[in-house]
Amino acid sequence: MAIQKILVVDDSPTERYFLSDVLTKNGFTVSTAENGEDALAKIKADKPQLILMDIVMPGQNGFQVTRAITRDPATQDVPVIICTSKGQETDRIWGLRQGARDYIVKPVDPQELLAKIASLG
């Protein structure tokens, strides 16, 4: 099943706008959340087909939210791609251990992002 509905989770309005703009111009339906709690509520209300998750956010960080999503039987089938400024290999490994399917370091390259989404679809 091709991915259409994507939830962008990032506390930066600029980053949310940038990712939403890239995705909508490429035919995706995008919703946004500015923190982990907001993301979890939106996922329960209207389950996306993919989640782009920032790590550094107020409240629960992206690692914690990714773990909650991937351990919940209702949402564990939704792939998570972490999009973060944390570029250390240890961060990438930890993100994948939390259940993320992929890991992209900011600034996000639109072509790389679209290729990673296509590989999941």
PDB file of N, CA and C in Angstrom:
ATOM      1  N   MET A   1       0.845  -1.194   0.000  1.00  0.00           N
ATOM      2  CA  MET A   1       0.000   0.000   0.000  1.00  0.00           C
ATOM      3  C   MET A   1       0.885   1.250   0.000  1.00  0.00           C
ATOM      4  N   ALA A   2       0.651   2.105  -0.953  1.00  0.00           N
ATOM      5  CA  ALA A   2       1.453   3.332  -1.043  1.00  0.00           C
ATOM      6  C   ALA A   2       1.107   4.265   0.118  1.00  0.00           C
ATOM      7  N   ILE A   3       2.116   4.921   0.630  1.00  0.00           N
ATOM      8  CA  ILE A   3       1.924   5.843   1.754  1.00  0.00           C
ATOM      9  C   ILE A   3       1.321   7.152   1.235  1.00  0.00           C
ATOM     10  N   GLN A   4       0.252   7.600   1.901  1.00  0.00           N
ATOM     11  CA  GLN A   4      -0.389   8.868   1.548  1.00  0.00           C
ATOM     12  C   GLN A   4      -0.423   9.837   2.725  1.00  0.00           C
ATOM     13  N   LYS A   5      -0.824   9.345   3.906  1.00  0.00           N
ATOM     14  CA  LYS A   5      -1.009  10.199   5.086  1.00  0.00           C
ATOM     15  C   LYS A   5       0.227  10.176   5.967  1.00  0.00           C
ATOM     16  N   ILE A   6       0.828  11.350   6.146  1.00  0.00           N
ATOM     17  CA  ILE A   6       2.063  11.448   6.932  1.00  0.00           C
ATOM     18  C   ILE A   6       1.872  12.447   8.067  1.00  0.00           C
ATOM     19  N   LEU A   7       2.332  12.062   9.252  1.00  0.00           N
ATOM     20  CA  LEU A   7       2.325  12.963  10.406  1.00  0.00           C
ATOM     21  C   LEU A   7       3.751  13.454  10.637  1.00  0.00           C
ATOM     22  N   VAL A   8       3.931  14.769  10.642  1.00  0.00           N
ATOM     23  CA  VAL A   8       5.233  15.393  10.904  1.00  0.00           C
ATOM     24  C   VAL A   8       5.238  15.877  12.354  1.00  0.00           C
ATOM     25  N   VAL A   9       6.164  15.358  13.154  1.00  0.00           N
ATOM     26  CA  VAL A   9       6.265  15.725  14.570  1.00  0.00           C
ATOM     27  C   VAL A   9       7.565  16.488  14.780  1.00  0.00           C
ATOM     28  N   ASP A  10       7.454  17.789  15.064  1.00  0.00           N
ATOM     29  CA  ASP A  10       8.646  18.616  15.266  1.00  0.00           C
ATOM     30  C   ASP A  10       8.235  19.856  16.047  1.00  0.00           C
ATOM     31  N   ASP A  11       9.052  20.268  17.017  1.00  0.00           N
ATOM     32  CA  ASP A  11       8.707  21.456  17.797  1.00  0.00           C
ATOM     33  C   ASP A  11       9.069  22.752  17.068  1.00  0.00           C
ATOM     34  N   SER A  12       9.769  22.663  15.942  1.00  0.00           N
ATOM     35  CA  SER A  12      10.148  23.854  15.186  1.00  0.00           C
ATOM     36  C   SER A  12       9.107  24.162  14.101  1.00  0.00           C
ATOM     37  N   PRO A  13       8.444  25.325  14.183  1.00  0.00           N
ATOM     38  CA  PRO A  13       7.472  25.682  13.142  1.00  0.00           C
ATOM     39  C   PRO A  13       8.118  25.722  11.756  1.00  0.00           C
ATOM     40  N   THR A  14       9.368  26.171  11.667  1.00  0.00           N
ATOM     41  CA  THR A  14      10.074  26.242  10.385  1.00  0.00           C
ATOM     42  C   THR A  14      10.253  24.846   9.797  1.00  0.00           C
ATOM     43  N   GLU A  15      10.667  23.917  10.633  1.00  0.00           N
ATOM     44  CA  GLU A  15      10.889  22.542  10.181  1.00  0.00           C
ATOM     45  C   GLU A  15       9.565  21.883   9.771  1.00  0.00           C
ATOM     46  N   ARG A  16       8.520  22.099  10.576  1.00  0.00           N
ATOM     47  CA  ARG A  16       7.195  21.548  10.223  1.00  0.00           C
ATOM     48  C   ARG A  16       6.750  22.087   8.875  1.00  0.00           C
ATOM     49  N   TYR A  17       6.931  23.392   8.662  1.00  0.00           N
ATOM     50  CA  TYR A  17       6.518  23.999   7.396  1.00  0.00           C
ATOM     51  C   TYR A  17       7.330  23.431   6.231  1.00  0.00           C
ATOM     52  N   PHE A  18       8.645  23.348   6.397  1.00  0.00           N
ATOM     53  CA  PHE A  18       9.522  22.849   5.333  1.00  0.00           C
ATOM     54  C   PHE A  18       9.134  21.420   4.932  1.00  0.00           C
ATOM     55  N   LEU A  19       9.012  20.538   5.921  1.00  0.00           N
ATOM     56  CA  LEU A  19       8.682  19.138   5.626  1.00  0.00           C
ATOM     57  C   LEU A  19       7.280  19.024   5.025  1.00  0.00           C
ATOM     58  N   SER A  20       6.326  19.757   5.584  1.00  0.00           N
ATOM     59  CA  SER A  20       4.949  19.725   5.060  1.00  0.00           C
ATOM     60  C   SER A  20       4.918  20.197   3.615  1.00  0.00           C
ATOM     61  N   ASP A  21       5.666  21.255   3.320  1.00  0.00           N
ATOM     62  CA  ASP A  21       5.712  21.822   1.973  1.00  0.00           C
ATOM     63  C   ASP A  21       6.273  20.800   0.976  1.00  0.00           C
ATOM     64  N   VAL A  22       7.394  20.179   1.319  1.00  0.00           N
ATOM     65  CA  VAL A  22       8.007  19.163   0.443  1.00  0.00           C
ATOM     66  C   VAL A  22       7.019  18.026   0.197  1.00  0.00           C
ATOM     67  N   LEU A  23       6.377  17.557   1.267  1.00  0.00           N
ATOM     68  CA  LEU A  23       5.491  16.398   1.161  1.00  0.00           C
ATOM     69  C   LEU A  23       4.213  16.705   0.392  1.00  0.00           C
ATOM     70  N   THR A  24       3.578  17.851   0.686  1.00  0.00           N
ATOM     71  CA  THR A  24       2.321  18.168  -0.014  1.00  0.00           C
ATOM     72  C   THR A  24       2.582  18.410  -1.500  1.00  0.00           C
ATOM     73  N   LYS A  25       3.716  19.018  -1.844  1.00  0.00           N
ATOM     74  CA  LYS A  25       4.052  19.230  -3.260  1.00  0.00           C
ATOM     75  C   LYS A  25       4.276  17.909  -3.990  1.00  0.00           C
ATOM     76  N   ASN A  26       4.524  16.843  -3.224  1.00  0.00           N
ATOM     77  CA  ASN A  26       4.736  15.525  -3.816  1.00  0.00           C
ATOM     78  C   ASN A  26       3.524  14.615  -3.624  1.00  0.00           C
ATOM     79  N   GLY A  27       2.382  15.226  -3.316  1.00  0.00           N
ATOM     80  CA  GLY A  27       1.120  14.489  -3.317  1.00  0.00           C
ATOM     81  C   GLY A  27       0.714  13.815  -2.024  1.00  0.00           C
ATOM     82  N   PHE A  28       1.431  14.086  -0.938  1.00  0.00           N
ATOM     83  CA  PHE A  28       1.080  13.465   0.338  1.00  0.00           C
ATOM     84  C   PHE A  28       0.096  14.340   1.111  1.00  0.00           C
ATOM     85  N   THR A  29      -0.713  13.716   1.950  1.00  0.00           N
ATOM     86  CA  THR A  29      -1.581  14.420   2.886  1.00  0.00           C
ATOM     87  C   THR A  29      -0.809  14.512   4.193  1.00  0.00           C
ATOM     88  N   VAL A  30      -0.636  15.737   4.708  1.00  0.00           N
ATOM     89  CA  VAL A  30       0.233  15.934   5.866  1.00  0.00           C
ATOM     90  C   VAL A  30      -0.533  16.546   7.031  1.00  0.00           C
ATOM     91  N   SER A  31      -0.308  15.986   8.221  1.00  0.00           N
ATOM     92  CA  SER A  31      -0.752  16.635   9.452  1.00  0.00           C
ATOM     93  C   SER A  31       0.499  16.844  10.298  1.00  0.00           C
ATOM     94  N   THR A  32       0.402  17.741  11.270  1.00  0.00           N
ATOM     95  CA  THR A  32       1.586  18.057  12.073  1.00  0.00           C
ATOM     96  C   THR A  32       1.258  18.011  13.561  1.00  0.00           C
ATOM     97  N   ALA A  33       2.309  17.788  14.346  1.00  0.00           N
ATOM     98  CA  ALA A  33       2.225  17.848  15.806  1.00  0.00           C
ATOM     99  C   ALA A  33       3.493  18.526  16.287  1.00  0.00           C
ATOM    100  N   GLU A  34       3.363  19.331  17.346  1.00  0.00           N
ATOM    101  CA  GLU A  34       4.543  20.083  17.786  1.00  0.00           C
ATOM    102  C   GLU A  34       5.245  19.459  18.989  1.00  0.00           C
ATOM    103  N   ASN A  35       4.707  18.363  19.517  1.00  0.00           N
ATOM    104  CA  ASN A  35       5.396  17.648  20.596  1.00  0.00           C
ATOM    105  C   ASN A  35       4.892  16.213  20.664  1.00  0.00           C
ATOM    106  N   GLY A  36       5.519  15.430  21.509  1.00  0.00           N
ATOM    107  CA  GLY A  36       5.200  14.010  21.595  1.00  0.00           C
ATOM    108  C   GLY A  36       3.782  13.725  22.041  1.00  0.00           C
ATOM    109  N   GLU A  37       3.310  14.467  23.038  1.00  0.00           N
ATOM    110  CA  GLU A  37       1.959  14.244  23.551  1.00  0.00           C
ATOM    111  C   GLU A  37       0.927  14.544  22.471  1.00  0.00           C
ATOM    112  N   ASP A  38       1.135  15.650  21.766  1.00  0.00           N
ATOM    113  CA  ASP A  38       0.254  16.048  20.661  1.00  0.00           C
ATOM    114  C   ASP A  38       0.275  14.961  19.575  1.00  0.00           C
ATOM    115  N   ALA A  39       1.464  14.434  19.299  1.00  0.00           N
ATOM    116  CA  ALA A  39       1.610  13.394  18.274  1.00  0.00           C
ATOM    117  C   ALA A  39       0.822  12.144  18.650  1.00  0.00           C
ATOM    118  N   LEU A  40       0.959  11.693  19.893  1.00  0.00           N
ATOM    119  CA  LEU A  40       0.269  10.476  20.319  1.00  0.00           C
ATOM    120  C   LEU A  40      -1.250  10.650  20.237  1.00  0.00           C
ATOM    121  N   ALA A  41      -1.745  11.838  20.594  1.00  0.00           N
ATOM    122  CA  ALA A  41      -3.186  12.104  20.501  1.00  0.00           C
ATOM    123  C   ALA A  41      -3.644  12.073  19.040  1.00  0.00           C
ATOM    124  N   LYS A  42      -2.868  12.682  18.153  1.00  0.00           N
ATOM    125  CA  LYS A  42      -3.245  12.718  16.737  1.00  0.00           C
ATOM    126  C   LYS A  42      -3.189  11.329  16.106  1.00  0.00           C
ATOM    127  N   ILE A  43      -2.226  10.521  16.517  1.00  0.00           N
ATOM    128  CA  ILE A  43      -2.101   9.168  15.973  1.00  0.00           C
ATOM    129  C   ILE A  43      -3.325   8.337  16.355  1.00  0.00           C
ATOM    130  N   LYS A  44      -3.793   8.502  17.605  1.00  0.00           N
ATOM    131  CA  LYS A  44      -4.974   7.756  18.041  1.00  0.00           C
ATOM    132  C   LYS A  44      -6.230   8.246  17.327  1.00  0.00           C
ATOM    133  N   ALA A  45      -6.320   9.556  17.101  1.00  0.00           N
ATOM    134  CA  ALA A  45      -7.511  10.141  16.470  1.00  0.00           C
ATOM    135  C   ALA A  45      -7.594   9.814  14.977  1.00  0.00           C
ATOM    136  N   ASP A  46      -6.463   9.897  14.290  1.00  0.00           N
ATOM    137  CA  ASP A  46      -6.452   9.685  12.842  1.00  0.00           C
ATOM    138  C   ASP A  46      -5.111   9.070  12.463  1.00  0.00           C
ATOM    139  N   LYS A  47      -5.076   7.762  12.436  1.00  0.00           N
ATOM    140  CA  LYS A  47      -3.815   7.024  12.275  1.00  0.00           C
ATOM    141  C   LYS A  47      -3.136   7.334  10.936  1.00  0.00           C
ATOM    142  N   PRO A  48      -1.912   7.867  10.976  1.00  0.00           N
ATOM    143  CA  PRO A  48      -1.174   8.127   9.736  1.00  0.00           C
ATOM    144  C   PRO A  48      -0.572   6.834   9.175  1.00  0.00           C
ATOM    145  N   GLN A  49      -0.037   6.911   7.971  1.00  0.00           N
ATOM    146  CA  GLN A  49       0.632   5.761   7.361  1.00  0.00           C
ATOM    147  C   GLN A  49       2.149   5.836   7.536  1.00  0.00           C
ATOM    148  N   LEU A  50       2.613   7.010   7.983  1.00  0.00           N
ATOM    149  CA  LEU A  50       4.040   7.225   8.235  1.00  0.00           C
ATOM    150  C   LEU A  50       4.177   8.386   9.207  1.00  0.00           C
ATOM    151  N   ILE A  51       5.190   8.320  10.073  1.00  0.00           N
ATOM    152  CA  ILE A  51       5.457   9.403  11.013  1.00  0.00           C
ATOM    153  C   ILE A  51       6.900   9.850  10.838  1.00  0.00           C
ATOM    154  N   LEU A  52       7.086  11.172  10.655  1.00  0.00           N
ATOM    155  CA  LEU A  52       8.431  11.764  10.646  1.00  0.00           C
ATOM    156  C   LEU A  52       8.623  12.389  12.021  1.00  0.00           C
ATOM    157  N   MET A  53       9.603  11.888  12.773  1.00  0.00           N
ATOM    158  CA  MET A  53       9.741  12.220  14.188  1.00  0.00           C
ATOM    159  C   MET A  53      11.031  12.966  14.482  1.00  0.00           C
ATOM    160  N   ASP A  54      10.891  14.145  15.097  1.00  0.00           N
ATOM    161  CA  ASP A  54      12.046  14.873  15.617  1.00  0.00           C
ATOM    162  C   ASP A  54      12.441  14.224  16.949  1.00  0.00           C
ATOM    163  N   ILE A  55      13.660  14.440  17.403  1.00  0.00           N
ATOM    164  CA  ILE A  55      14.092  13.884  18.686  1.00  0.00           C
ATOM    165  C   ILE A  55      13.999  14.910  19.806  1.00  0.00           C
ATOM    166  N   VAL A  56      14.605  16.070  19.598  1.00  0.00           N
ATOM    167  CA  VAL A  56      14.702  17.061  20.669  1.00  0.00           C
ATOM    168  C   VAL A  56      13.439  17.918  20.687  1.00  0.00           C
ATOM    169  N   MET A  57      12.561  17.628  21.676  1.00  0.00           N
ATOM    170  CA  MET A  57      11.300  18.367  21.819  1.00  0.00           C
ATOM    171  C   MET A  57      11.005  18.517  23.302  1.00  0.00           C
ATOM    172  N   PRO A  58      10.181  19.512  23.658  1.00  0.00           N
ATOM    173  CA  PRO A  58       9.771  19.630  25.066  1.00  0.00           C
ATOM    174  C   PRO A  58       8.896  18.434  25.451  1.00  0.00           C
ATOM    175  N   GLY A  59       8.878  18.090  26.732  1.00  0.00           N
ATOM    176  CA  GLY A  59       8.089  16.931  27.168  1.00  0.00           C
ATOM    177  C   GLY A  59       8.797  15.660  26.741  1.00  0.00           C
ATOM    178  N   GLN A  60       8.022  14.702  26.241  1.00  0.00           N
ATOM    179  CA  GLN A  60       8.628  13.447  25.783  1.00  0.00           C
ATOM    180  C   GLN A  60       9.490  13.708  24.558  1.00  0.00           C
ATOM    181  N   ASN A  61      10.688  13.108  24.532  1.00  0.00           N
ATOM    182  CA  ASN A  61      11.509  13.286  23.334  1.00  0.00           C
ATOM    183  C   ASN A  61      11.089  12.267  22.267  1.00  0.00           C
ATOM    184  N   GLY A  62      11.637  12.431  21.077  1.00  0.00           N
ATOM    185  CA  GLY A  62      11.252  11.588  19.958  1.00  0.00           C
ATOM    186  C   GLY A  62      11.572  10.121  20.154  1.00  0.00           C
ATOM    187  N   PHE A  63      12.648   9.832  20.903  1.00  0.00           N
ATOM    188  CA  PHE A  63      12.968   8.430  21.190  1.00  0.00           C
ATOM    189  C   PHE A  63      11.835   7.795  22.007  1.00  0.00           C
ATOM    190  N   GLN A  64      11.362   8.532  23.046  1.00  0.00           N
ATOM    191  CA  GLN A  64      10.300   8.009  23.914  1.00  0.00           C
ATOM    192  C   GLN A  64       8.993   7.824  23.145  1.00  0.00           C
ATOM    193  N   VAL A  65       8.667   8.796  22.302  1.00  0.00           N
ATOM    194  CA  VAL A  65       7.418   8.718  21.536  1.00  0.00           C
ATOM    195  C   VAL A  65       7.492   7.586  20.513  1.00  0.00           C
ATOM    196  N   THR A  66       8.644   7.441  19.850  1.00  0.00           N
ATOM    197  CA  THR A  66       8.819   6.347  18.883  1.00  0.00           C
ATOM    198  C   THR A  66       8.644   5.005  19.580  1.00  0.00           C
ATOM    199  N   ARG A  67       9.233   4.873  20.762  1.00  0.00           N
ATOM    200  CA  ARG A  67       9.103   3.629  21.523  1.00  0.00           C
ATOM    201  C   ARG A  67       7.637   3.360  21.873  1.00  0.00           C
ATOM    202  N   ALA A  68       6.917   4.403  22.294  1.00  0.00           N
ATOM    203  CA  ALA A  68       5.491   4.240  22.635  1.00  0.00           C
ATOM    204  C   ALA A  68       4.688   3.789  21.418  1.00  0.00           C
ATOM    205  N   ILE A  69       4.969   4.369  20.259  1.00  0.00           N
ATOM    206  CA  ILE A  69       4.242   4.033  19.024  1.00  0.00           C
ATOM    207  C   ILE A  69       4.532   2.589  18.615  1.00  0.00           C
ATOM    208  N   THR A  70       5.809   2.218  18.626  1.00  0.00           N
ATOM    209  CA  THR A  70       6.192   0.900  18.102  1.00  0.00           C
ATOM    210  C   THR A  70       5.892  -0.241  19.082  1.00  0.00           C
ATOM    211  N   ARG A  71       5.599   0.085  20.332  1.00  0.00           N
ATOM    212  CA  ARG A  71       5.248  -0.963  21.307  1.00  0.00           C
ATOM    213  C   ARG A  71       3.746  -1.084  21.499  1.00  0.00           C
ATOM    214  N   ASP A  72       2.969  -0.164  20.945  1.00  0.00           N
ATOM    215  CA  ASP A  72       1.513  -0.205  21.080  1.00  0.00           C
ATOM    216  C   ASP A  72       0.943  -1.035  19.930  1.00  0.00           C
ATOM    217  N   PRO A  73       0.226  -2.125  20.234  1.00  0.00           N
ATOM    218  CA  PRO A  73      -0.311  -2.982  19.159  1.00  0.00           C
ATOM    219  C   PRO A  73      -1.189  -2.213  18.156  1.00  0.00           C
ATOM    220  N   ALA A  74      -1.820  -1.126  18.598  1.00  0.00           N
ATOM    221  CA  ALA A  74      -2.697  -0.358  17.709  1.00  0.00           C
ATOM    222  C   ALA A  74      -1.913   0.470  16.695  1.00  0.00           C
ATOM    223  N   THR A  75      -0.645   0.781  17.001  1.00  0.00           N
ATOM    224  CA  THR A  75       0.129   1.672  16.129  1.00  0.00           C
ATOM    225  C   THR A  75       1.456   1.077  15.674  1.00  0.00           C
ATOM    226  N   GLN A  76       1.796  -0.116  16.109  1.00  0.00           N
ATOM    227  CA  GLN A  76       3.136  -0.658  15.823  1.00  0.00           C
ATOM    228  C   GLN A  76       3.395  -0.895  14.343  1.00  0.00           C
ATOM    229  N   ASP A  77       2.328  -0.941  13.529  1.00  0.00           N
ATOM    230  CA  ASP A  77       2.519  -1.136  12.089  1.00  0.00           C
ATOM    231  C   ASP A  77       2.803   0.167  11.353  1.00  0.00           C
ATOM    232  N   VAL A  78       2.755   1.313  12.056  1.00  0.00           N
ATOM    233  CA  VAL A  78       3.025   2.609  11.416  1.00  0.00           C
ATOM    234  C   VAL A  78       4.534   2.863  11.444  1.00  0.00           C
ATOM    235  N   PRO A  79       5.166   2.960  10.267  1.00  0.00           N
ATOM    236  CA  PRO A  79       6.614   3.192  10.274  1.00  0.00           C
ATOM    237  C   PRO A  79       6.958   4.606  10.759  1.00  0.00           C
ATOM    238  N   VAL A  80       8.077   4.709  11.459  1.00  0.00           N
ATOM    239  CA  VAL A  80       8.582   5.993  11.956  1.00  0.00           C
ATOM    240  C   VAL A  80       9.940   6.235  11.316  1.00  0.00           C
ATOM    241  N   ILE A  81      10.107   7.421  10.716  1.00  0.00           N
ATOM    242  CA  ILE A  81      11.426   7.860  10.257  1.00  0.00           C
ATOM    243  C   ILE A  81      11.826   9.026  11.160  1.00  0.00           C
ATOM    244  N   ILE A  82      12.952   8.887  11.820  1.00  0.00           N
ATOM    245  CA  ILE A  82      13.439   9.962  12.683  1.00  0.00           C
ATOM    246  C   ILE A  82      14.137  11.006  11.814  1.00  0.00           C
ATOM    247  N   CYS A  83      13.741  12.273  11.988  1.00  0.00           N
ATOM    248  CA  CYS A  83      14.368  13.417  11.296  1.00  0.00           C
ATOM    249  C   CYS A  83      14.896  14.342  12.386  1.00  0.00           C
ATOM    250  N   THR A  84      16.197  14.380  12.552  1.00  0.00           N
ATOM    251  CA  THR A  84      16.763  15.101  13.691  1.00  0.00           C
ATOM    252  C   THR A  84      18.090  15.755  13.356  1.00  0.00           C
ATOM    253  N   SER A  85      18.479  16.716  14.179  1.00  0.00           N
ATOM    254  CA  SER A  85      19.794  17.332  14.032  1.00  0.00           C
ATOM    255  C   SER A  85      20.862  16.492  14.740  1.00  0.00           C
ATOM    256  N   LYS A  86      20.441  15.469  15.481  1.00  0.00           N
ATOM    257  CA  LYS A  86      21.394  14.617  16.211  1.00  0.00           C
ATOM    258  C   LYS A  86      22.045  13.644  15.234  1.00  0.00           C
ATOM    259  N   GLY A  87      23.263  13.982  14.813  1.00  0.00           N
ATOM    260  CA  GLY A  87      23.912  13.235  13.750  1.00  0.00           C
ATOM    261  C   GLY A  87      24.895  12.168  14.197  1.00  0.00           C
ATOM    262  N   GLN A  88      24.994  11.906  15.504  1.00  0.00           N
ATOM    263  CA  GLN A  88      25.936  10.902  15.989  1.00  0.00           C
ATOM    264  C   GLN A  88      25.459   9.496  15.634  1.00  0.00           C
ATOM    265  N   GLU A  89      26.389   8.617  15.331  1.00  0.00           N
ATOM    266  CA  GLU A  89      26.042   7.224  15.022  1.00  0.00           C
ATOM    267  C   GLU A  89      25.316   6.571  16.201  1.00  0.00           C
ATOM    268  N   THR A  90      25.717   6.913  17.437  1.00  0.00           N
ATOM    269  CA  THR A  90      25.046   6.331  18.611  1.00  0.00           C
ATOM    270  C   THR A  90      23.575   6.744  18.651  1.00  0.00           C
ATOM    271  N   ASP A  91      23.264   7.987  18.244  1.00  0.00           N
ATOM    272  CA  ASP A  91      21.867   8.442  18.203  1.00  0.00           C
ATOM    273  C   ASP A  91      21.084   7.643  17.169  1.00  0.00           C
ATOM    274  N   ARG A  92      21.707   7.410  16.005  1.00  0.00           N
ATOM    275  CA  ARG A  92      21.043   6.661  14.938  1.00  0.00           C
ATOM    276  C   ARG A  92      20.729   5.235  15.403  1.00  0.00           C
ATOM    277  N   ILE A  93      21.719   4.601  16.006  1.00  0.00           N
ATOM    278  CA  ILE A  93      21.529   3.233  16.491  1.00  0.00           C
ATOM    279  C   ILE A  93      20.432   3.190  17.555  1.00  0.00           C
ATOM    280  N   TRP A  94      20.462   4.150  18.480  1.00  0.00           N
ATOM    281  CA  TRP A  94      19.455   4.196  19.545  1.00  0.00           C
ATOM    282  C   TRP A  94      18.063   4.415  18.938  1.00  0.00           C
ATOM    283  N   GLY A  95      17.960   5.306  17.964  1.00  0.00           N
ATOM    284  CA  GLY A  95      16.672   5.557  17.312  1.00  0.00           C
ATOM    285  C   GLY A  95      16.116   4.311  16.657  1.00  0.00           C
ATOM    286  N   LEU A  96      16.976   3.565  15.972  1.00  0.00           N
ATOM    287  CA  LEU A  96      16.535   2.331  15.318  1.00  0.00           C
ATOM    288  C   LEU A  96      16.162   1.274  16.362  1.00  0.00           C
ATOM    289  N   ARG A  97      16.853   1.273  17.491  1.00  0.00           N
ATOM    290  CA  ARG A  97      16.513   0.337  18.567  1.00  0.00           C
ATOM    291  C   ARG A  97      15.155   0.645  19.178  1.00  0.00           C
ATOM    292  N   GLN A  98      14.724   1.902  19.120  1.00  0.00           N
ATOM    293  CA  GLN A  98      13.411   2.274  19.662  1.00  0.00           C
ATOM    294  C   GLN A  98      12.285   1.841  18.729  1.00  0.00           C
ATOM    295  N   GLY A  99      12.670   1.399  17.523  1.00  0.00           N
ATOM    296  CA  GLY A  99      11.654   0.916  16.591  1.00  0.00           C
ATOM    297  C   GLY A  99      11.547   1.720  15.307  1.00  0.00           C
ATOM    298  N   ALA A 100      12.342   2.793  15.180  1.00  0.00           N
ATOM    299  CA  ALA A 100      12.287   3.588  13.949  1.00  0.00           C
ATOM    300  C   ALA A 100      12.759   2.743  12.762  1.00  0.00           C
ATOM    301  N   ARG A 101      12.150   2.986  11.595  1.00  0.00           N
ATOM    302  CA  ARG A 101      12.533   2.238  10.396  1.00  0.00           C
ATOM    303  C   ARG A 101      13.726   2.870   9.693  1.00  0.00           C
ATOM    304  N   ASP A 102      13.884   4.200   9.905  1.00  0.00           N
ATOM    305  CA  ASP A 102      14.978   4.894   9.238  1.00  0.00           C
ATOM    306  C   ASP A 102      15.341   6.129  10.040  1.00  0.00           C
ATOM    307  N   TYR A 103      16.429   6.810   9.634  1.00  0.00           N
ATOM    308  CA  TYR A 103      16.982   7.921  10.405  1.00  0.00           C
ATOM    309  C   TYR A 103      17.579   8.914   9.419  1.00  0.00           C
ATOM    310  N   ILE A 104      17.114  10.149   9.459  1.00  0.00           N
ATOM    311  CA  ILE A 104      17.624  11.200   8.571  1.00  0.00           C
ATOM    312  C   ILE A 104      18.141  12.346   9.433  1.00  0.00           C
ATOM    313  N   VAL A 105      19.326  12.852   9.096  1.00  0.00           N
ATOM    314  CA  VAL A 105      19.903  13.975   9.833  1.00  0.00           C
ATOM    315  C   VAL A 105      19.551  15.280   9.108  1.00  0.00           C
ATOM    316  N   LYS A 106      19.111  16.282   9.896  1.00  0.00           N
ATOM    317  CA  LYS A 106      18.804  17.604   9.348  1.00  0.00           C
ATOM    318  C   LYS A 106      20.109  18.311   8.997  1.00  0.00           C
ATOM    319  N   PRO A 107      20.119  19.213   8.027  1.00  0.00           N
ATOM    320  CA  PRO A 107      18.957  19.582   7.218  1.00  0.00           C
ATOM    321  C   PRO A 107      18.543  18.440   6.287  1.00  0.00           C
ATOM    322  N   VAL A 108      17.239  18.214   6.218  1.00  0.00           N
ATOM    323  CA  VAL A 108      16.704  17.108   5.428  1.00  0.00           C
ATOM    324  C   VAL A 108      16.827  17.424   3.941  1.00  0.00           C
ATOM    325  N   ASP A 109      17.375  16.482   3.200  1.00  0.00           N
ATOM    326  CA  ASP A 109      17.440  16.583   1.744  1.00  0.00           C
ATOM    327  C   ASP A 109      16.120  16.031   1.202  1.00  0.00           C
ATOM    328  N   PRO A 110      15.330  16.871   0.498  1.00  0.00           N
ATOM    329  CA  PRO A 110      14.012  16.410   0.027  1.00  0.00           C
ATOM    330  C   PRO A 110      14.067  15.124  -0.794  1.00  0.00           C
ATOM    331  N   GLN A 111      15.077  14.986  -1.664  1.00  0.00           N
ATOM    332  CA  GLN A 111      15.166  13.774  -2.491  1.00  0.00           C
ATOM    333  C   GLN A 111      15.456  12.534  -1.638  1.00  0.00           C
ATOM    334  N   GLU A 112      16.326  12.701  -0.636  1.00  0.00           N
ATOM    335  CA  GLU A 112      16.627  11.579   0.260  1.00  0.00           C
ATOM    336  C   GLU A 112      15.370  11.176   1.025  1.00  0.00           C
ATOM    337  N   LEU A 113      14.640  12.171   1.518  1.00  0.00           N
ATOM    338  CA  LEU A 113      13.413  11.896   2.268  1.00  0.00           C
ATOM    339  C   LEU A 113      12.405  11.151   1.380  1.00  0.00           C
ATOM    340  N   LEU A 114      12.173  11.644   0.184  1.00  0.00           N
ATOM    341  CA  LEU A 114      11.203  11.023  -0.732  1.00  0.00           C
ATOM    342  C   LEU A 114      11.635   9.601  -1.101  1.00  0.00           C
ATOM    343  N   ALA A 115      12.928   9.382  -1.263  1.00  0.00           N
ATOM    344  CA  ALA A 115      13.427   8.050  -1.580  1.00  0.00           C
ATOM    345  C   ALA A 115      13.184   7.087  -0.411  1.00  0.00           C
ATOM    346  N   LYS A 116      13.404   7.566   0.818  1.00  0.00           N
ATOM    347  CA  LYS A 116      13.182   6.714   1.991  1.00  0.00           C
ATOM    348  C   LYS A 116      11.701   6.390   2.151  1.00  0.00           C
ATOM    349  N   ILE A 117      10.835   7.371   1.875  1.00  0.00           N
ATOM    350  CA  ILE A 117       9.379   7.123   1.950  1.00  0.00           C
ATOM    351  C   ILE A 117       8.986   6.107   0.875  1.00  0.00           C
ATOM    352  N   ALA A 118       9.495   6.270  -0.324  1.00  0.00           N
ATOM    353  CA  ALA A 118       9.176   5.351  -1.415  1.00  0.00           C
ATOM    354  C   ALA A 118       9.616   3.921  -1.077  1.00  0.00           C
ATOM    355  N   SER A 119      10.747   3.781  -0.391  1.00  0.00           N
ATOM    356  CA  SER A 119      11.247   2.442  -0.074  1.00  0.00           C
ATOM    357  C   SER A 119      10.352   1.738   0.957  1.00  0.00           C
ATOM    358  N   LEU A 120       9.574   2.519   1.713  1.00  0.00           N
ATOM    359  CA  LEU A 120       8.664   1.927   2.715  1.00  0.00           C
ATOM    360  C   LEU A 120       7.327   1.545   2.095  1.00  0.00           C
ATOM    361  N   GLY A 121       6.932   2.269   1.029  1.00  0.00           N
ATOM    362  CA  GLY A 121       5.580   2.147   0.478  1.00  0.00           C
ATOM    363  C   GLY A 121       5.268   0.863  -0.225  1.00  0.00           C
TER     364      GLY A 121
END
